[in-house]
Amino acid sequence: MPTIVVDVMPKAELLDPQGKAVSGAFARLGVDEFSSVRIGKRFELTVDGEVTDEVLAKAKRVADEILSNSVIEDVVGVEVVE
């Protein structure tokens, strides 16, 4: 069955306390290759049947209206994986 993956991230202009905590842990562990960390959400929507343009459009609508909070998050990706 095909899957539609939706990725949601905090808006770039907002602080990401979880990412900051992970970044601090990296520093304490001596991991210095990464300058910052941002943490988001990934949703996997299993599709019964074929992924048509209509189904993909509905997934994008659901991502914008239900899976993300448009005040603090951006939907950064909606893609089909098989």
PDB file of N, CA and C in Angstrom:
ATOM      1  N   MET A   1       0.835  -1.175   0.000  1.00  0.00           N
ATOM      2  CA  MET A   1       0.000   0.000   0.000  1.00  0.00           C
ATOM      3  C   MET A   1       0.884   1.245   0.000  1.00  0.00           C
ATOM      4  N   PRO A   2       0.528   2.216  -0.808  1.00  0.00           N
ATOM      5  CA  PRO A   2       1.316   3.450  -0.818  1.00  0.00           C
ATOM      6  C   PRO A   2       1.115   4.253   0.463  1.00  0.00           C
ATOM      7  N   THR A   3       2.108   5.063   0.756  1.00  0.00           N
ATOM      8  CA  THR A   3       2.083   5.905   1.950  1.00  0.00           C
ATOM      9  C   THR A   3       2.390   7.339   1.551  1.00  0.00           C
ATOM     10  N   ILE A   4       1.661   8.265   2.141  1.00  0.00           N
ATOM     11  CA  ILE A   4       1.952   9.680   1.963  1.00  0.00           C
ATOM     12  C   ILE A   4       2.619  10.155   3.248  1.00  0.00           C
ATOM     13  N   VAL A   5       3.801  10.741   3.107  1.00  0.00           N
ATOM     14  CA  VAL A   5       4.562  11.227   4.257  1.00  0.00           C
ATOM     15  C   VAL A   5       4.410  12.741   4.336  1.00  0.00           C
ATOM     16  N   VAL A   6       4.027  13.222   5.513  1.00  0.00           N
ATOM     17  CA  VAL A   6       3.873  14.655   5.769  1.00  0.00           C
ATOM     18  C   VAL A   6       4.907  15.046   6.819  1.00  0.00           C
ATOM     19  N   ASP A   7       5.750  16.032   6.483  1.00  0.00           N
ATOM     20  CA  ASP A   7       6.743  16.547   7.426  1.00  0.00           C
ATOM     21  C   ASP A   7       6.349  17.951   7.866  1.00  0.00           C
ATOM     22  N   VAL A   8       6.358  18.164   9.184  1.00  0.00           N
ATOM     23  CA  VAL A   8       5.977  19.447   9.777  1.00  0.00           C
ATOM     24  C   VAL A   8       7.135  19.911  10.657  1.00  0.00           C
ATOM     25  N   MET A   9       7.509  21.182  10.523  1.00  0.00           N
ATOM     26  CA  MET A   9       8.600  21.752  11.314  1.00  0.00           C
ATOM     27  C   MET A   9       8.132  23.042  11.988  1.00  0.00           C
ATOM     28  N   PRO A  10       8.759  23.379  13.118  1.00  0.00           N
ATOM     29  CA  PRO A  10       8.446  24.675  13.723  1.00  0.00           C
ATOM     30  C   PRO A  10       8.835  25.798  12.756  1.00  0.00           C
ATOM     31  N   LYS A  11       8.110  26.885  12.790  1.00  0.00           N
ATOM     32  CA  LYS A  11       8.466  28.027  11.943  1.00  0.00           C
ATOM     33  C   LYS A  11       9.889  28.462  12.271  1.00  0.00           C
ATOM     34  N   ALA A  12      10.637  28.859  11.233  1.00  0.00           N
ATOM     35  CA  ALA A  12      12.053  29.191  11.381  1.00  0.00           C
ATOM     36  C   ALA A  12      12.286  30.315  12.390  1.00  0.00           C
ATOM     37  N   GLU A  13      11.341  31.248  12.489  1.00  0.00           N
ATOM     38  CA  GLU A  13      11.544  32.396  13.360  1.00  0.00           C
ATOM     39  C   GLU A  13      11.235  32.100  14.836  1.00  0.00           C
ATOM     40  N   LEU A  14      10.732  30.903  15.126  1.00  0.00           N
ATOM     41  CA  LEU A  14      10.396  30.543  16.507  1.00  0.00           C
ATOM     42  C   LEU A  14      11.501  29.703  17.144  1.00  0.00           C
ATOM     43  N   LEU A  15      11.630  29.826  18.446  1.00  0.00           N
ATOM     44  CA  LEU A  15      12.579  29.000  19.180  1.00  0.00           C
ATOM     45  C   LEU A  15      12.125  27.544  19.146  1.00  0.00           C
ATOM     46  N   ASP A  16      13.091  26.642  19.186  1.00  0.00           N
ATOM     47  CA  ASP A  16      12.802  25.213  19.217  1.00  0.00           C
ATOM     48  C   ASP A  16      13.472  24.636  20.468  1.00  0.00           C
ATOM     49  N   PRO A  17      12.763  24.625  21.620  1.00  0.00           N
ATOM     50  CA  PRO A  17      13.389  24.183  22.863  1.00  0.00           C
ATOM     51  C   PRO A  17      13.891  22.740  22.811  1.00  0.00           C
ATOM     52  N   GLN A  18      13.177  21.858  22.129  1.00  0.00           N
ATOM     53  CA  GLN A  18      13.636  20.468  22.017  1.00  0.00           C
ATOM     54  C   GLN A  18      14.943  20.412  21.226  1.00  0.00           C
ATOM     55  N   GLY A  19      14.990  21.141  20.125  1.00  0.00           N
ATOM     56  CA  GLY A  19      16.205  21.171  19.316  1.00  0.00           C
ATOM     57  C   GLY A  19      17.371  21.750  20.096  1.00  0.00           C
ATOM     58  N   LYS A  20      17.103  22.789  20.872  1.00  0.00           N
ATOM     59  CA  LYS A  20      18.150  23.416  21.690  1.00  0.00           C
ATOM     60  C   LYS A  20      18.679  22.425  22.723  1.00  0.00           C
ATOM     61  N   ALA A  21      17.789  21.632  23.336  1.00  0.00           N
ATOM     62  CA  ALA A  21      18.206  20.631  24.319  1.00  0.00           C
ATOM     63  C   ALA A  21      19.095  19.569  23.672  1.00  0.00           C
ATOM     64  N   VAL A  22      18.728  19.120  22.491  1.00  0.00           N
ATOM     65  CA  VAL A  22      19.531  18.117  21.793  1.00  0.00           C
ATOM     66  C   VAL A  22      20.882  18.710  21.404  1.00  0.00           C
ATOM     67  N   SER A  23      20.874  19.958  20.934  1.00  0.00           N
ATOM     68  CA  SER A  23      22.112  20.632  20.572  1.00  0.00           C
ATOM     69  C   SER A  23      23.044  20.741  21.787  1.00  0.00           C
ATOM     70  N   GLY A  24      22.480  21.042  22.943  1.00  0.00           N
ATOM     71  CA  GLY A  24      23.274  21.102  24.174  1.00  0.00           C
ATOM     72  C   GLY A  24      23.856  19.740  24.535  1.00  0.00           C
ATOM     73  N   ALA A  25      23.067  18.683  24.339  1.00  0.00           N
ATOM     74  CA  ALA A  25      23.553  17.323  24.608  1.00  0.00           C
ATOM     75  C   ALA A  25      24.697  16.967  23.672  1.00  0.00           C
ATOM     76  N   PHE A  26      24.588  17.371  22.411  1.00  0.00           N
ATOM     77  CA  PHE A  26      25.683  17.139  21.464  1.00  0.00           C
ATOM     78  C   PHE A  26      26.969  17.773  21.982  1.00  0.00           C
ATOM     79  N   ALA A  27      26.861  19.020  22.440  1.00  0.00           N
ATOM     80  CA  ALA A  27      28.045  19.735  22.922  1.00  0.00           C
ATOM     81  C   ALA A  27      28.660  18.998  24.121  1.00  0.00           C
ATOM     82  N   ARG A  28      27.813  18.540  25.043  1.00  0.00           N
ATOM     83  CA  ARG A  28      28.320  17.824  26.221  1.00  0.00           C
ATOM     84  C   ARG A  28      28.980  16.507  25.846  1.00  0.00           C
ATOM     85  N   LEU A  29      28.535  15.902  24.758  1.00  0.00           N
ATOM     86  CA  LEU A  29      29.084  14.610  24.329  1.00  0.00           C
ATOM     87  C   LEU A  29      30.254  14.765  23.356  1.00  0.00           C
ATOM     88  N   GLY A  30      30.621  15.996  23.074  1.00  0.00           N
ATOM     89  CA  GLY A  30      31.756  16.230  22.185  1.00  0.00           C
ATOM     90  C   GLY A  30      31.415  16.150  20.709  1.00  0.00           C
ATOM     91  N   VAL A  31      30.157  16.170  20.381  1.00  0.00           N
ATOM     92  CA  VAL A  31      29.731  16.165  18.975  1.00  0.00           C
ATOM     93  C   VAL A  31      29.678  17.620  18.524  1.00  0.00           C
ATOM     94  N   ASP A  32      30.653  18.035  17.718  1.00  0.00           N
ATOM     95  CA  ASP A  32      30.724  19.445  17.341  1.00  0.00           C
ATOM     96  C   ASP A  32      30.579  19.683  15.836  1.00  0.00           C
ATOM     97  N   GLU A  33      30.171  18.663  15.107  1.00  0.00           N
ATOM     98  CA  GLU A  33      30.006  18.800  13.658  1.00  0.00           C
ATOM     99  C   GLU A  33      28.718  19.526  13.265  1.00  0.00           C
ATOM    100  N   PHE A  34      27.802  19.678  14.192  1.00  0.00           N
ATOM    101  CA  PHE A  34      26.495  20.253  13.885  1.00  0.00           C
ATOM    102  C   PHE A  34      26.297  21.543  14.667  1.00  0.00           C
ATOM    103  N   SER A  35      25.885  22.594  13.974  1.00  0.00           N
ATOM    104  CA  SER A  35      25.760  23.890  14.636  1.00  0.00           C
ATOM    105  C   SER A  35      24.404  24.086  15.318  1.00  0.00           C
ATOM    106  N   SER A  36      23.373  23.392  14.854  1.00  0.00           N
ATOM    107  CA  SER A  36      22.065  23.510  15.494  1.00  0.00           C
ATOM    108  C   SER A  36      21.206  22.306  15.138  1.00  0.00           C
ATOM    109  N   VAL A  37      20.138  22.140  15.901  1.00  0.00           N
ATOM    110  CA  VAL A  37      19.196  21.041  15.685  1.00  0.00           C
ATOM    111  C   VAL A  37      17.790  21.626  15.748  1.00  0.00           C
ATOM    112  N   ARG A  38      16.924  21.225  14.821  1.00  0.00           N
ATOM    113  CA  ARG A  38      15.503  21.573  14.876  1.00  0.00           C
ATOM    114  C   ARG A  38      14.729  20.261  14.809  1.00  0.00           C
ATOM    115  N   ILE A  39      13.723  20.141  15.636  1.00  0.00           N
ATOM    116  CA  ILE A  39      12.954  18.908  15.714  1.00  0.00           C
ATOM    117  C   ILE A  39      11.541  19.163  15.218  1.00  0.00           C
ATOM    118  N   GLY A  40      11.070  18.286  14.349  1.00  0.00           N
ATOM    119  CA  GLY A  40       9.730  18.408  13.796  1.00  0.00           C
ATOM    120  C   GLY A  40       8.936  17.125  13.991  1.00  0.00           C
ATOM    121  N   LYS A  41       7.901  16.987  13.165  1.00  0.00           N
ATOM    122  CA  LYS A  41       7.018  15.821  13.235  1.00  0.00           C
ATOM    123  C   LYS A  41       6.912  15.193  11.849  1.00  0.00           C
ATOM    124  N   ARG A  42       6.752  13.880  11.829  1.00  0.00           N
ATOM    125  CA  ARG A  42       6.549  13.146  10.581  1.00  0.00           C
ATOM    126  C   ARG A  42       5.280  12.318  10.739  1.00  0.00           C
ATOM    127  N   PHE A  43       4.392  12.433   9.757  1.00  0.00           N
ATOM    128  CA  PHE A  43       3.158  11.653   9.730  1.00  0.00           C
ATOM    129  C   PHE A  43       3.200  10.742   8.515  1.00  0.00           C
ATOM    130  N   GLU A  44       2.806   9.495   8.680  1.00  0.00           N
ATOM    131  CA  GLU A  44       2.712   8.550   7.568  1.00  0.00           C
ATOM    132  C   GLU A  44       1.254   8.162   7.389  1.00  0.00           C
ATOM    133  N   LEU A  45       0.693   8.534   6.254  1.00  0.00           N
ATOM    134  CA  LEU A  45      -0.709   8.262   5.948  1.00  0.00           C
ATOM    135  C   LEU A  45      -0.774   7.116   4.952  1.00  0.00           C
ATOM    136  N   THR A  46      -1.277   5.962   5.375  1.00  0.00           N
ATOM    137  CA  THR A  46      -1.400   4.807   4.484  1.00  0.00           C
ATOM    138  C   THR A  46      -2.640   4.976   3.622  1.00  0.00           C
ATOM    139  N   VAL A  47      -2.473   4.749   2.333  1.00  0.00           N
ATOM    140  CA  VAL A  47      -3.564   4.944   1.379  1.00  0.00           C
ATOM    141  C   VAL A  47      -4.087   3.586   0.931  1.00  0.00           C
ATOM    142  N   ASP A  48      -5.392   3.398   1.031  1.00  0.00           N
ATOM    143  CA  ASP A  48      -6.025   2.193   0.489  1.00  0.00           C
ATOM    144  C   ASP A  48      -6.326   2.466  -0.974  1.00  0.00           C
ATOM    145  N   GLY A  49      -5.551   1.874  -1.854  1.00  0.00           N
ATOM    146  CA  GLY A  49      -5.752   2.097  -3.280  1.00  0.00           C
ATOM    147  C   GLY A  49      -4.677   2.992  -3.862  1.00  0.00           C
ATOM    148  N   GLU A  50      -5.000   3.599  -4.975  1.00  0.00           N
ATOM    149  CA  GLU A  50      -4.051   4.420  -5.730  1.00  0.00           C
ATOM    150  C   GLU A  50      -4.010   5.846  -5.191  1.00  0.00           C
ATOM    151  N   VAL A  51      -2.832   6.453  -5.251  1.00  0.00           N
ATOM    152  CA  VAL A  51      -2.693   7.856  -4.861  1.00  0.00           C
ATOM    153  C   VAL A  51      -2.949   8.709  -6.102  1.00  0.00           C
ATOM    154  N   THR A  52      -4.141   9.236  -6.176  1.00  0.00           N
ATOM    155  CA  THR A  52      -4.521  10.105  -7.295  1.00  0.00           C
ATOM    156  C   THR A  52      -4.210  11.550  -6.929  1.00  0.00           C
ATOM    157  N   ASP A  53      -4.353  12.444  -7.902  1.00  0.00           N
ATOM    158  CA  ASP A  53      -4.162  13.868  -7.619  1.00  0.00           C
ATOM    159  C   ASP A  53      -5.142  14.336  -6.539  1.00  0.00           C
ATOM    160  N   GLU A  54      -6.345  13.789  -6.566  1.00  0.00           N
ATOM    161  CA  GLU A  54      -7.367  14.154  -5.577  1.00  0.00           C
ATOM    162  C   GLU A  54      -6.962  13.710  -4.172  1.00  0.00           C
ATOM    163  N   VAL A  55      -6.439  12.492  -4.052  1.00  0.00           N
ATOM    164  CA  VAL A  55      -6.004  11.980  -2.752  1.00  0.00           C
ATOM    165  C   VAL A  55      -4.827  12.807  -2.228  1.00  0.00           C
ATOM    166  N   LEU A  56      -3.889  13.134  -3.091  1.00  0.00           N
ATOM    167  CA  LEU A  56      -2.740  13.941  -2.682  1.00  0.00           C
ATOM    168  C   LEU A  56      -3.176  15.340  -2.257  1.00  0.00           C
ATOM    169  N   ALA A  57      -4.126  15.919  -2.973  1.00  0.00           N
ATOM    170  CA  ALA A  57      -4.652  17.236  -2.609  1.00  0.00           C
ATOM    171  C   ALA A  57      -5.338  17.179  -1.244  1.00  0.00           C
ATOM    172  N   LYS A  58      -6.060  16.090  -0.981  1.00  0.00           N
ATOM    173  CA  LYS A  58      -6.727  15.941   0.317  1.00  0.00           C
ATOM    174  C   LYS A  58      -5.687  15.793   1.425  1.00  0.00           C
ATOM    175  N   ALA A  59      -4.613  15.068   1.164  1.00  0.00           N
ATOM    176  CA  ALA A  59      -3.545  14.919   2.153  1.00  0.00           C
ATOM    177  C   ALA A  59      -2.916  16.275   2.468  1.00  0.00           C
ATOM    178  N   LYS A  60      -2.712  17.092   1.456  1.00  0.00           N
ATOM    179  CA  LYS A  60      -2.145  18.428   1.667  1.00  0.00           C
ATOM    180  C   LYS A  60      -3.100  19.285   2.497  1.00  0.00           C
ATOM    181  N   ARG A  61      -4.386  19.179   2.213  1.00  0.00           N
ATOM    182  CA  ARG A  61      -5.378  19.942   2.984  1.00  0.00           C
ATOM    183  C   ARG A  61      -5.383  19.494   4.446  1.00  0.00           C
ATOM    184  N   VAL A  62      -5.379  18.182   4.669  1.00  0.00           N
ATOM    185  CA  VAL A  62      -5.355  17.633   6.024  1.00  0.00           C
ATOM    186  C   VAL A  62      -4.077  18.073   6.751  1.00  0.00           C
ATOM    187  N   ALA A  63      -2.959  18.078   6.023  1.00  0.00           N
ATOM    188  CA  ALA A  63      -1.694  18.503   6.630  1.00  0.00           C
ATOM    189  C   ALA A  63      -1.781  19.945   7.104  1.00  0.00           C
ATOM    190  N   ASP A  64      -2.348  20.804   6.282  1.00  0.00           N
ATOM    191  CA  ASP A  64      -2.466  22.222   6.627  1.00  0.00           C
ATOM    192  C   ASP A  64      -3.489  22.479   7.727  1.00  0.00           C
ATOM    193  N   GLU A  65      -4.603  21.759   7.704  1.00  0.00           N
ATOM    194  CA  GLU A  65      -5.713  22.059   8.607  1.00  0.00           C
ATOM    195  C   GLU A  65      -5.727  21.254   9.904  1.00  0.00           C
ATOM    196  N   ILE A  66      -5.143  20.046   9.890  1.00  0.00           N
ATOM    197  CA  ILE A  66      -5.259  19.167  11.055  1.00  0.00           C
ATOM    198  C   ILE A  66      -3.899  18.781  11.644  1.00  0.00           C
ATOM    199  N   LEU A  67      -2.951  18.411  10.797  1.00  0.00           N
ATOM    200  CA  LEU A  67      -1.689  17.870  11.291  1.00  0.00           C
ATOM    201  C   LEU A  67      -0.708  18.931  11.761  1.00  0.00           C
ATOM    202  N   SER A  68      -0.927  20.171  11.358  1.00  0.00           N
ATOM    203  CA  SER A  68      -0.012  21.236  11.766  1.00  0.00           C
ATOM    204  C   SER A  68      -0.784  22.390  12.388  1.00  0.00           C
ATOM    205  N   ASN A  69      -0.093  23.132  13.216  1.00  0.00           N
ATOM    206  CA  ASN A  69      -0.646  24.347  13.814  1.00  0.00           C
ATOM    207  C   ASN A  69      -0.028  25.505  13.029  1.00  0.00           C
ATOM    208  N   SER A  70      -0.794  26.131  12.163  1.00  0.00           N
ATOM    209  CA  SER A  70      -0.256  27.134  11.242  1.00  0.00           C
ATOM    210  C   SER A  70       0.319  28.367  11.946  1.00  0.00           C
ATOM    211  N   VAL A  71       0.017  28.549  13.216  1.00  0.00           N
ATOM    212  CA  VAL A  71       0.560  29.684  13.954  1.00  0.00           C
ATOM    213  C   VAL A  71       2.044  29.463  14.261  1.00  0.00           C
ATOM    214  N   ILE A  72       2.414  28.219  14.567  1.00  0.00           N
ATOM    215  CA  ILE A  72       3.789  27.948  14.989  1.00  0.00           C
ATOM    216  C   ILE A  72       4.534  26.936  14.117  1.00  0.00           C
ATOM    217  N   GLU A  73       3.844  26.324  13.137  1.00  0.00           N
ATOM    218  CA  GLU A  73       4.476  25.277  12.327  1.00  0.00           C
ATOM    219  C   GLU A  73       4.235  25.497  10.840  1.00  0.00           C
ATOM    220  N   ASP A  74       5.147  24.944  10.042  1.00  0.00           N
ATOM    221  CA  ASP A  74       5.006  24.922   8.600  1.00  0.00           C
ATOM    222  C   ASP A  74       4.990  23.482   8.119  1.00  0.00           C
ATOM    223  N   VAL A  75       4.141  23.178   7.150  1.00  0.00           N
ATOM    224  CA  VAL A  75       4.204  21.885   6.464  1.00  0.00           C
ATOM    225  C   VAL A  75       5.324  22.029   5.446  1.00  0.00           C
ATOM    226  N   VAL A  76       6.385  21.252   5.614  1.00  0.00           N
ATOM    227  CA  VAL A  76       7.552  21.402   4.746  1.00  0.00           C
ATOM    228  C   VAL A  76       7.637  20.326   3.665  1.00  0.00           C
ATOM    229  N   GLY A  77       6.785  19.322   3.753  1.00  0.00           N
ATOM    230  CA  GLY A  77       6.819  18.291   2.725  1.00  0.00           C
ATOM    231  C   GLY A  77       5.606  17.391   2.779  1.00  0.00           C
ATOM    232  N   VAL A  78       5.087  17.072   1.601  1.00  0.00           N
ATOM    233  CA  VAL A  78       4.029  16.071   1.447  1.00  0.00           C
ATOM    234  C   VAL A  78       4.423  15.268   0.228  1.00  0.00           C
ATOM    235  N   GLU A  79       4.814  14.002   0.439  1.00  0.00           N
ATOM    236  CA  GLU A  79       5.290  13.187  -0.666  1.00  0.00           C
ATOM    237  C   GLU A  79       4.785  11.755  -0.572  1.00  0.00           C
ATOM    238  N   VAL A  80       4.734  11.104  -1.702  1.00  0.00           N
ATOM    239  CA  VAL A  80       4.295   9.723  -1.768  1.00  0.00           C
ATOM    240  C   VAL A  80       5.531   8.831  -1.744  1.00  0.00           C
ATOM    241  N   VAL A  81       5.531   7.840  -0.864  1.00  0.00           N
ATOM    242  CA  VAL A  81       6.565   6.821  -0.830  1.00  0.00           C
ATOM    243  C   VAL A  81       5.884   5.470  -0.997  1.00  0.00           C
ATOM    244  N   GLU A  82       6.529   4.584  -1.691  1.00  0.00           N
ATOM    245  CA  GLU A  82       5.907   3.282  -1.953  1.00  0.00           C
ATOM    246  C   GLU A  82       6.704   2.189  -1.311  1.00  0.00           C
TER     247      GLU A  82
END
